[in-house]
Amino acid sequence: MTAVLLSACSSSTSGDAPPPVVRPAADAAFDYQIGGPYRPPSGVRAVARDRGAAPARGLYNVCYVNAFQAQPDALSRWRREHPDLLLRDTAGHLVIDEDWDEALFDISTADKRKRLAELVGRWIDGCADDGYQAVEPDNLDSYTRAKGLLDAADAVAFARLVAERAHAAGLAVGQKNAAELLPRHATVGFDFAVAEECARYDECGTYAKAYDDRVFVIEYRTADFTRACRTWGDRLSIVLRDLDVRPAGTKGYVRRAC
C-alpha cells in the first residue's frame, strides 16, 4: 500500500498481541469524505469517511467516529438506553453543542468514561472489521462547550481509553483539532492529526511539529487554503472542502488540493 509510511508493532510477545498499527504517510494526497462517500479523485492516497461507509479500496482509510458527542439521530436511543451518560447542567438539561445540535457525553468520572469507551469501542472495532487503517475520534474539544462541567483532563483521560481500544484493534488514532492539547498527544497515544482550519488559526506548525508532518489539513475558506498551500503544501496533506463536506456531484460540493 503506497500510503503506508511506518508500522508500529506492539511490544507484547504473547500469542494474543494486537495487530500492527500503520500510521499515514506525511504529505499523502488526501480527501475528506465524512459527509458522504464518492470515488476518490485521481492521485488521492488517503481518505476519511464516516464509520457507516465502506473504506475506499487500495487507499489509507480513516474512520470518522463521533466519540465525544451524540449524533442527533441517535439521541433518543441514548436517552432511552444510557441517559446518565449524557452531560446535564445543574438544572438537569442536556448540554448541547449548538453548532451541530449534538448532546455532549458525560466523561466527568472514571466510571462513565469506562462505560462510554466500551460503547464507542464497539464502533471502533467495527471500523477495523470493515478494513479501515485508522480512526478519527471527533469532538475532542467538546469540554470547551461543557459550561465548565468538563475539563481538559477529562478529555485526555477519555481519549486515552479510546486510543487504547483503537490500538488494540490495529488502528492508528488521529487527534482531531484541539491544538491546545498537543502537549499531551503522547500521553493519549495519538499517531497523527486531522486539523480543521489550522491555517486560519495559525496552528499548522504546531501540529506539524508534534506529528512529524503526519497531518491531514482541511480548510473551508479559499484564502486560508491558499495560505496553507503556500506555507505547508510541500509538507502536509491539505484539502479545501465545502463546510458540509458534500459528496462529489451534489450541489455545493467543493474540493481542491495543493
C-alpha atoms as a PDB file:
ATOM      1  CA  MET A   1       0.000   0.000   0.000  1.00  0.00           C
ATOM      2  CA  THR A   2       1.733   3.181  -1.121  1.00  0.00           C
ATOM      3  CA  ALA A   3       0.160   5.358   1.568  1.00  0.00           C
ATOM      4  CA  VAL A   4       1.901   3.475   4.351  1.00  0.00           C
ATOM      5  CA  LEU A   5       4.921   5.093   5.938  1.00  0.00           C
ATOM      6  CA  LEU A   6       5.556   3.214   9.143  1.00  0.00           C
ATOM      7  CA  SER A   7       4.220   0.238  11.060  1.00  0.00           C
ATOM      8  CA  ALA A   8       4.488   0.231  14.842  1.00  0.00           C
ATOM      9  CA  CYS A   9       4.016  -3.202  16.370  1.00  0.00           C
ATOM     10  CA  SER A  10       3.065  -3.936  19.936  1.00  0.00           C
ATOM     11  CA  SER A  11       5.945  -4.874  22.188  1.00  0.00           C
ATOM     12  CA  SER A  12       3.961  -7.768  23.601  1.00  0.00           C
ATOM     13  CA  THR A  13       5.342 -11.223  22.910  1.00  0.00           C
ATOM     14  CA  SER A  14       2.180 -13.094  23.851  1.00  0.00           C
ATOM     15  CA  GLY A  15       0.166 -15.032  21.327  1.00  0.00           C
ATOM     16  CA  ASP A  16      -2.690 -12.531  21.554  1.00  0.00           C
ATOM     17  CA  ALA A  17      -0.642  -9.434  20.703  1.00  0.00           C
ATOM     18  CA  PRO A  18      -2.666  -6.764  18.898  1.00  0.00           C
ATOM     19  CA  PRO A  19      -2.221  -6.353  15.148  1.00  0.00           C
ATOM     20  CA  PRO A  20       0.337  -3.789  13.977  1.00  0.00           C
ATOM     21  CA  VAL A  21      -0.709  -0.148  13.756  1.00  0.00           C
ATOM     22  CA  VAL A  22       0.050   1.636  10.480  1.00  0.00           C
ATOM     23  CA  ARG A  23       0.452   5.403  10.553  1.00  0.00           C
ATOM     24  CA  PRO A  24      -0.322   7.501   7.467  1.00  0.00           C
ATOM     25  CA  ALA A  25       2.417   8.878   5.271  1.00  0.00           C
ATOM     26  CA  ALA A  26       3.323  12.539   5.614  1.00  0.00           C
ATOM     27  CA  ASP A  27       2.064  14.599   2.659  1.00  0.00           C
ATOM     28  CA  ALA A  28      -0.129  11.785   1.302  1.00  0.00           C
ATOM     29  CA  ALA A  29      -2.720  13.256  -1.093  1.00  0.00           C
ATOM     30  CA  PHE A  30      -5.931  13.320   0.936  1.00  0.00           C
ATOM     31  CA  ASP A  31      -9.694  13.627   0.591  1.00  0.00           C
ATOM     32  CA  TYR A  32     -12.190  14.335   3.359  1.00  0.00           C
ATOM     33  CA  GLN A  33     -15.452  12.492   2.691  1.00  0.00           C
ATOM     34  CA  ILE A  34     -17.229  12.338   6.042  1.00  0.00           C
ATOM     35  CA  GLY A  35     -20.354  13.907   4.515  1.00  0.00           C
ATOM     36  CA  GLY A  36     -20.801  11.001   2.116  1.00  0.00           C
ATOM     37  CA  PRO A  37     -18.511   8.663   0.159  1.00  0.00           C
ATOM     38  CA  TYR A  38     -17.670   9.039  -3.517  1.00  0.00           C
ATOM     39  CA  ARG A  39     -14.969   7.858  -5.863  1.00  0.00           C
ATOM     40  CA  PRO A  40     -11.690   9.452  -4.691  1.00  0.00           C
ATOM     41  CA  PRO A  41     -10.110  11.865  -7.184  1.00  0.00           C
ATOM     42  CA  SER A  42      -7.096  10.669  -9.131  1.00  0.00           C
ATOM     43  CA  GLY A  43      -3.898  10.703  -7.105  1.00  0.00           C
ATOM     44  CA  VAL A  44      -5.567  10.526  -3.698  1.00  0.00           C
ATOM     45  CA  ARG A  45      -3.802   8.102  -1.370  1.00  0.00           C
ATOM     46  CA  ALA A  46      -5.719   8.624   1.864  1.00  0.00           C
ATOM     47  CA  VAL A  47      -9.383   9.272   2.594  1.00  0.00           C
ATOM     48  CA  ALA A  48     -11.540   9.872   5.684  1.00  0.00           C
ATOM     49  CA  ARG A  49     -15.089   8.540   5.726  1.00  0.00           C
ATOM     50  CA  ASP A  50     -17.889   8.140   8.244  1.00  0.00           C
ATOM     51  CA  ARG A  51     -17.904   4.832  10.088  1.00  0.00           C
ATOM     52  CA  GLY A  52     -21.128   3.886   8.317  1.00  0.00           C
ATOM     53  CA  ALA A  53     -19.431   3.987   4.905  1.00  0.00           C
ATOM     54  CA  ALA A  54     -17.199   1.350   3.369  1.00  0.00           C
ATOM     55  CA  PRO A  55     -13.495   2.200   3.090  1.00  0.00           C
ATOM     56  CA  ALA A  56     -12.003   3.101  -0.295  1.00  0.00           C
ATOM     57  CA  ARG A  57     -10.268   0.110  -1.777  1.00  0.00           C
ATOM     58  CA  GLY A  58      -6.477   0.331  -2.018  1.00  0.00           C
ATOM     59  CA  LEU A  59      -6.153   3.582  -0.043  1.00  0.00           C
ATOM     60  CA  TYR A  60      -5.250   4.520   3.512  1.00  0.00           C
ATOM     61  CA  ASN A  61      -8.661   4.866   5.179  1.00  0.00           C
ATOM     62  CA  VAL A  62      -9.501   6.917   8.266  1.00  0.00           C
ATOM     63  CA  CYS A  63     -12.782   6.084  10.012  1.00  0.00           C
ATOM     64  CA  TYR A  64     -14.732   9.046  11.403  1.00  0.00           C
ATOM     65  CA  VAL A  65     -16.288   8.360  14.816  1.00  0.00           C
ATOM     66  CA  ASN A  66     -18.168  10.968  16.851  1.00  0.00           C
ATOM     67  CA  ALA A  67     -16.605   9.839  20.120  1.00  0.00           C
ATOM     68  CA  PHE A  68     -17.439  12.721  22.454  1.00  0.00           C
ATOM     69  CA  GLN A  69     -20.972  13.747  21.404  1.00  0.00           C
ATOM     70  CA  ALA A  70     -24.206  12.048  20.380  1.00  0.00           C
ATOM     71  CA  GLN A  71     -25.348  12.214  16.778  1.00  0.00           C
ATOM     72  CA  PRO A  72     -28.755  13.980  16.614  1.00  0.00           C
ATOM     73  CA  ASP A  73     -30.471  10.987  15.020  1.00  0.00           C
ATOM     74  CA  ALA A  74     -29.212   8.752  17.837  1.00  0.00           C
ATOM     75  CA  LEU A  75     -30.146  10.993  20.754  1.00  0.00           C
ATOM     76  CA  SER A  76     -33.458   9.300  21.526  1.00  0.00           C
ATOM     77  CA  ARG A  77     -31.673   5.980  21.856  1.00  0.00           C
ATOM     78  CA  TRP A  78     -29.056   7.463  24.180  1.00  0.00           C
ATOM     79  CA  ARG A  79     -31.848   8.979  26.275  1.00  0.00           C
ATOM     80  CA  ARG A  80     -33.572   5.613  26.479  1.00  0.00           C
ATOM     81  CA  GLU A  81     -30.625   3.268  26.962  1.00  0.00           C
ATOM     82  CA  HIS A  82     -27.870   5.353  28.567  1.00  0.00           C
ATOM     83  CA  PRO A  83     -29.430   8.541  29.974  1.00  0.00           C
ATOM     84  CA  ASP A  84     -26.763   9.036  32.648  1.00  0.00           C
ATOM     85  CA  LEU A  85     -24.008   9.112  30.009  1.00  0.00           C
ATOM     86  CA  LEU A  86     -25.343  12.370  28.573  1.00  0.00           C
ATOM     87  CA  LEU A  87     -23.981  15.527  30.185  1.00  0.00           C
ATOM     88  CA  ARG A  88     -26.541  17.626  32.042  1.00  0.00           C
ATOM     89  CA  ASP A  89     -26.284  21.053  33.646  1.00  0.00           C
ATOM     90  CA  THR A  90     -27.283  21.884  37.205  1.00  0.00           C
ATOM     91  CA  ALA A  91     -30.910  22.269  36.103  1.00  0.00           C
ATOM     92  CA  GLY A  92     -30.919  18.786  34.591  1.00  0.00           C
ATOM     93  CA  HIS A  93     -30.914  19.990  30.981  1.00  0.00           C
ATOM     94  CA  LEU A  94     -28.772  18.323  28.347  1.00  0.00           C
ATOM     95  CA  VAL A  95     -25.644  20.248  27.403  1.00  0.00           C
ATOM     96  CA  ILE A  96     -25.822  20.743  23.647  1.00  0.00           C
ATOM     97  CA  ASP A  97     -23.239  21.679  21.035  1.00  0.00           C
ATOM     98  CA  GLU A  98     -25.397  24.333  19.396  1.00  0.00           C
ATOM     99  CA  ASP A  99     -23.422  24.393  16.152  1.00  0.00           C
ATOM    100  CA  TRP A 100     -24.296  20.776  15.337  1.00  0.00           C
ATOM    101  CA  ASP A 101     -27.244  20.112  17.684  1.00  0.00           C
ATOM    102  CA  GLU A 102     -25.345  17.325  19.418  1.00  0.00           C
ATOM    103  CA  ALA A 103     -25.616  16.388  23.092  1.00  0.00           C
ATOM    104  CA  LEU A 104     -22.290  16.047  24.885  1.00  0.00           C
ATOM    105  CA  PHE A 105     -21.290  12.780  26.526  1.00  0.00           C
ATOM    106  CA  ASP A 106     -20.615  12.904  30.252  1.00  0.00           C
ATOM    107  CA  ILE A 107     -16.940  11.972  30.636  1.00  0.00           C
ATOM    108  CA  SER A 108     -16.622  13.559  34.092  1.00  0.00           C
ATOM    109  CA  THR A 109     -15.935  10.358  36.054  1.00  0.00           C
ATOM    110  CA  ALA A 110     -13.753   7.300  35.556  1.00  0.00           C
ATOM    111  CA  ASP A 111     -16.778   5.006  35.633  1.00  0.00           C
ATOM    112  CA  LYS A 112     -18.649   6.939  32.949  1.00  0.00           C
ATOM    113  CA  ARG A 113     -15.534   7.184  30.788  1.00  0.00           C
ATOM    114  CA  LYS A 114     -15.070   3.421  31.043  1.00  0.00           C
ATOM    115  CA  ARG A 115     -18.670   2.715  30.060  1.00  0.00           C
ATOM    116  CA  LEU A 116     -18.593   5.188  27.180  1.00  0.00           C
ATOM    117  CA  ALA A 117     -15.276   3.797  25.966  1.00  0.00           C
ATOM    118  CA  GLU A 118     -16.860   0.358  25.747  1.00  0.00           C
ATOM    119  CA  LEU A 119     -19.737   1.697  23.635  1.00  0.00           C
ATOM    120  CA  VAL A 120     -17.518   3.826  21.398  1.00  0.00           C
ATOM    121  CA  GLY A 121     -15.072   0.941  21.297  1.00  0.00           C
ATOM    122  CA  ARG A 122     -17.642  -1.221  19.544  1.00  0.00           C
ATOM    123  CA  TRP A 123     -17.810   1.369  16.754  1.00  0.00           C
ATOM    124  CA  ILE A 124     -14.020   1.382  16.561  1.00  0.00           C
ATOM    125  CA  ASP A 125     -13.921  -2.405  16.338  1.00  0.00           C
ATOM    126  CA  GLY A 126     -16.432  -2.109  13.506  1.00  0.00           C
ATOM    127  CA  CYS A 127     -14.088   0.254  11.673  1.00  0.00           C
ATOM    128  CA  ALA A 128     -11.303  -2.312  11.959  1.00  0.00           C
ATOM    129  CA  ASP A 129     -13.570  -5.144  10.840  1.00  0.00           C
ATOM    130  CA  ASP A 130     -14.603  -3.115   7.788  1.00  0.00           C
ATOM    131  CA  GLY A 131     -10.991  -2.654   6.705  1.00  0.00           C
ATOM    132  CA  TYR A 132     -10.066   0.824   7.908  1.00  0.00           C
ATOM    133  CA  GLN A 133      -6.463   1.537   8.897  1.00  0.00           C
ATOM    134  CA  ALA A 134      -7.136   4.425  11.294  1.00  0.00           C
ATOM    135  CA  VAL A 135      -9.805   6.158  13.331  1.00  0.00           C
ATOM    136  CA  GLU A 136     -10.609   9.854  13.797  1.00  0.00           C
ATOM    137  CA  PRO A 137     -12.423  10.361  17.143  1.00  0.00           C
ATOM    138  CA  ASP A 138     -14.227  13.679  16.724  1.00  0.00           C
ATOM    139  CA  ASN A 139     -15.058  16.402  19.249  1.00  0.00           C
ATOM    140  CA  LEU A 140     -12.031  16.008  21.491  1.00  0.00           C
ATOM    141  CA  ASP A 141     -12.609  19.693  22.271  1.00  0.00           C
ATOM    142  CA  SER A 142     -16.183  19.191  23.487  1.00  0.00           C
ATOM    143  CA  TYR A 143     -15.094  20.070  27.016  1.00  0.00           C
ATOM    144  CA  THR A 144     -14.750  23.679  25.853  1.00  0.00           C
ATOM    145  CA  ARG A 145     -18.515  23.685  25.221  1.00  0.00           C
ATOM    146  CA  ALA A 146     -19.432  21.958  28.500  1.00  0.00           C
ATOM    147  CA  LYS A 147     -20.324  25.048  30.552  1.00  0.00           C
ATOM    148  CA  GLY A 148     -17.479  24.301  32.955  1.00  0.00           C
ATOM    149  CA  LEU A 149     -18.752  20.810  33.733  1.00  0.00           C
ATOM    150  CA  LEU A 150     -15.824  19.091  31.963  1.00  0.00           C
ATOM    151  CA  ASP A 151     -12.164  19.995  31.635  1.00  0.00           C
ATOM    152  CA  ALA A 152      -9.134  19.113  29.558  1.00  0.00           C
ATOM    153  CA  ALA A 153      -8.124  16.356  31.965  1.00  0.00           C
ATOM    154  CA  ASP A 154     -11.466  14.624  31.379  1.00  0.00           C
ATOM    155  CA  ALA A 155     -10.972  14.840  27.610  1.00  0.00           C
ATOM    156  CA  VAL A 156      -7.436  13.467  27.776  1.00  0.00           C
ATOM    157  CA  ALA A 157      -8.452  10.602  30.071  1.00  0.00           C
ATOM    158  CA  PHE A 158     -11.291   9.549  27.790  1.00  0.00           C
ATOM    159  CA  ALA A 159      -9.227   9.987  24.637  1.00  0.00           C
ATOM    160  CA  ARG A 160      -6.605   7.692  26.112  1.00  0.00           C
ATOM    161  CA  LEU A 161      -9.192   4.938  26.599  1.00  0.00           C
ATOM    162  CA  VAL A 162     -10.386   5.414  23.011  1.00  0.00           C
ATOM    163  CA  ALA A 163      -6.816   5.297  21.706  1.00  0.00           C
ATOM    164  CA  GLU A 164      -6.073   2.123  23.642  1.00  0.00           C
ATOM    165  CA  ARG A 165      -9.146   0.457  22.169  1.00  0.00           C
ATOM    166  CA  ALA A 166      -8.186   1.547  18.652  1.00  0.00           C
ATOM    167  CA  HIS A 167      -4.614   0.325  19.013  1.00  0.00           C
ATOM    168  CA  ALA A 168      -5.881  -2.999  20.325  1.00  0.00           C
ATOM    169  CA  ALA A 169      -7.898  -3.288  17.104  1.00  0.00           C
ATOM    170  CA  GLY A 170      -4.842  -2.448  14.987  1.00  0.00           C
ATOM    171  CA  LEU A 171      -5.934   1.093  14.113  1.00  0.00           C
ATOM    172  CA  ALA A 172      -3.875   4.274  14.195  1.00  0.00           C
ATOM    173  CA  VAL A 173      -5.548   7.154  16.051  1.00  0.00           C
ATOM    174  CA  GLY A 174      -5.753  10.746  14.831  1.00  0.00           C
ATOM    175  CA  GLN A 175      -6.032  13.782  17.063  1.00  0.00           C
ATOM    176  CA  LYS A 176      -8.966  15.779  15.736  1.00  0.00           C
ATOM    177  CA  ASN A 177      -8.432  19.508  16.340  1.00  0.00           C
ATOM    178  CA  ALA A 178      -7.918  20.775  19.935  1.00  0.00           C
ATOM    179  CA  ALA A 179      -4.480  22.282  19.304  1.00  0.00           C
ATOM    180  CA  GLU A 180      -4.347  23.292  22.956  1.00  0.00           C
ATOM    181  CA  LEU A 181      -3.993  19.589  23.814  1.00  0.00           C
ATOM    182  CA  LEU A 182      -0.997  18.980  21.540  1.00  0.00           C
ATOM    183  CA  PRO A 183       1.412  18.938  24.514  1.00  0.00           C
ATOM    184  CA  ARG A 184      -0.493  15.867  25.774  1.00  0.00           C
ATOM    185  CA  HIS A 185      -0.633  13.960  22.484  1.00  0.00           C
ATOM    186  CA  ALA A 186       1.957  11.392  23.597  1.00  0.00           C
ATOM    187  CA  THR A 187       0.074  10.803  26.858  1.00  0.00           C
ATOM    188  CA  VAL A 188      -3.048   9.931  24.883  1.00  0.00           C
ATOM    189  CA  GLY A 189      -1.223   7.881  22.262  1.00  0.00           C
ATOM    190  CA  PHE A 190      -2.258   9.770  19.129  1.00  0.00           C
ATOM    191  CA  ASP A 191      -0.408   8.776  15.939  1.00  0.00           C
ATOM    192  CA  PHE A 192      -1.292  11.628  13.561  1.00  0.00           C
ATOM    193  CA  ALA A 193      -3.630  14.616  13.359  1.00  0.00           C
ATOM    194  CA  VAL A 194      -6.713  15.757  11.477  1.00  0.00           C
ATOM    195  CA  ALA A 195      -6.692  19.540  11.707  1.00  0.00           C
ATOM    196  CA  GLU A 196      -9.577  21.671  10.513  1.00  0.00           C
ATOM    197  CA  GLU A 197      -8.686  25.264   9.631  1.00  0.00           C
ATOM    198  CA  CYS A 198      -5.193  25.202  11.109  1.00  0.00           C
ATOM    199  CA  ALA A 199      -4.101  27.847   8.594  1.00  0.00           C
ATOM    200  CA  ARG A 200      -6.993  30.089   9.574  1.00  0.00           C
ATOM    201  CA  TYR A 201      -5.942  29.925  13.222  1.00  0.00           C
ATOM    202  CA  ASP A 202      -2.174  29.743  12.619  1.00  0.00           C
ATOM    203  CA  GLU A 203      -1.857  26.275  14.155  1.00  0.00           C
ATOM    204  CA  CYS A 204      -0.455  24.160  11.308  1.00  0.00           C
ATOM    205  CA  GLY A 205       3.107  24.466  12.509  1.00  0.00           C
ATOM    206  CA  THR A 206       2.319  23.148  15.974  1.00  0.00           C
ATOM    207  CA  TYR A 207       0.545  20.122  14.506  1.00  0.00           C
ATOM    208  CA  ALA A 208       3.398  19.525  12.059  1.00  0.00           C
ATOM    209  CA  LYS A 209       5.978  19.589  14.837  1.00  0.00           C
ATOM    210  CA  ALA A 210       4.010  17.266  17.121  1.00  0.00           C
ATOM    211  CA  TYR A 211       3.314  14.673  14.436  1.00  0.00           C
ATOM    212  CA  ASP A 212       6.358  14.851  12.136  1.00  0.00           C
ATOM    213  CA  ASP A 213       4.157  16.229   9.332  1.00  0.00           C
ATOM    214  CA  ARG A 214       1.604  13.403   9.566  1.00  0.00           C
ATOM    215  CA  VAL A 215      -1.227  15.921   9.457  1.00  0.00           C
ATOM    216  CA  PHE A 216      -4.373  15.967   7.323  1.00  0.00           C
ATOM    217  CA  VAL A 217      -5.469  19.601   6.953  1.00  0.00           C
ATOM    218  CA  ILE A 218      -8.993  20.649   5.935  1.00  0.00           C
ATOM    219  CA  GLU A 219      -9.655  24.302   5.146  1.00  0.00           C
ATOM    220  CA  TYR A 220     -13.110  25.688   4.373  1.00  0.00           C
ATOM    221  CA  ARG A 221     -12.193  29.166   3.109  1.00  0.00           C
ATOM    222  CA  THR A 222     -10.262  29.769  -0.100  1.00  0.00           C
ATOM    223  CA  ALA A 223      -7.949  32.364   1.401  1.00  0.00           C
ATOM    224  CA  ASP A 224      -6.971  30.017   4.236  1.00  0.00           C
ATOM    225  CA  PHE A 225      -6.450  27.151   1.810  1.00  0.00           C
ATOM    226  CA  THR A 226      -4.219  29.323  -0.375  1.00  0.00           C
ATOM    227  CA  ARG A 227      -2.154  30.338   2.645  1.00  0.00           C
ATOM    228  CA  ALA A 228      -1.901  26.738   3.855  1.00  0.00           C
ATOM    229  CA  CYS A 229      -0.676  25.561   0.464  1.00  0.00           C
ATOM    230  CA  ARG A 230       1.844  28.375   0.182  1.00  0.00           C
ATOM    231  CA  THR A 231       3.296  27.725   3.641  1.00  0.00           C
ATOM    232  CA  TRP A 232       2.796  23.998   4.215  1.00  0.00           C
ATOM    233  CA  GLY A 233       1.881  22.492   0.847  1.00  0.00           C
ATOM    234  CA  ASP A 234       5.217  20.720   0.446  1.00  0.00           C
ATOM    235  CA  ARG A 235       4.952  19.043   3.860  1.00  0.00           C
ATOM    236  CA  LEU A 236       1.332  18.482   4.907  1.00  0.00           C
ATOM    237  CA  SER A 237      -1.721  16.899   3.290  1.00  0.00           C
ATOM    238  CA  ILE A 238      -4.062  19.832   2.589  1.00  0.00           C
ATOM    239  CA  VAL A 239      -7.521  19.950   1.060  1.00  0.00           C
ATOM    240  CA  LEU A 240     -10.197  22.625   0.582  1.00  0.00           C
ATOM    241  CA  ARG A 241     -13.725  21.350   1.228  1.00  0.00           C
ATOM    242  CA  ASP A 242     -17.191  22.842   1.494  1.00  0.00           C
ATOM    243  CA  LEU A 243     -18.356  23.199   5.101  1.00  0.00           C
ATOM    244  CA  ASP A 244     -20.898  20.377   4.783  1.00  0.00           C
ATOM    245  CA  VAL A 245     -18.313  18.107   3.097  1.00  0.00           C
ATOM    246  CA  ARG A 246     -20.850  17.133   0.452  1.00  0.00           C
ATOM    247  CA  PRO A 247     -20.265  14.185  -1.893  1.00  0.00           C
ATOM    248  CA  ALA A 248     -18.987  14.885  -5.392  1.00  0.00           C
ATOM    249  CA  GLY A 249     -21.798  15.515  -7.861  1.00  0.00           C
ATOM    250  CA  THR A 250     -24.075  17.230  -5.345  1.00  0.00           C
ATOM    251  CA  LYS A 251     -24.886  20.930  -5.232  1.00  0.00           C
ATOM    252  CA  GLY A 252     -22.355  22.930  -3.233  1.00  0.00           C
ATOM    253  CA  TYR A 253     -19.578  20.361  -3.460  1.00  0.00           C
ATOM    254  CA  VAL A 254     -16.112  21.908  -3.284  1.00  0.00           C
ATOM    255  CA  ARG A 255     -12.776  20.156  -3.316  1.00  0.00           C
ATOM    256  CA  ARG A 256      -9.310  21.366  -4.179  1.00  0.00           C
ATOM    257  CA  ALA A 257      -5.888  20.135  -3.157  1.00  0.00           C
ATOM    258  CA  CYS A 258      -2.487  21.791  -3.184  1.00  0.00           C
END
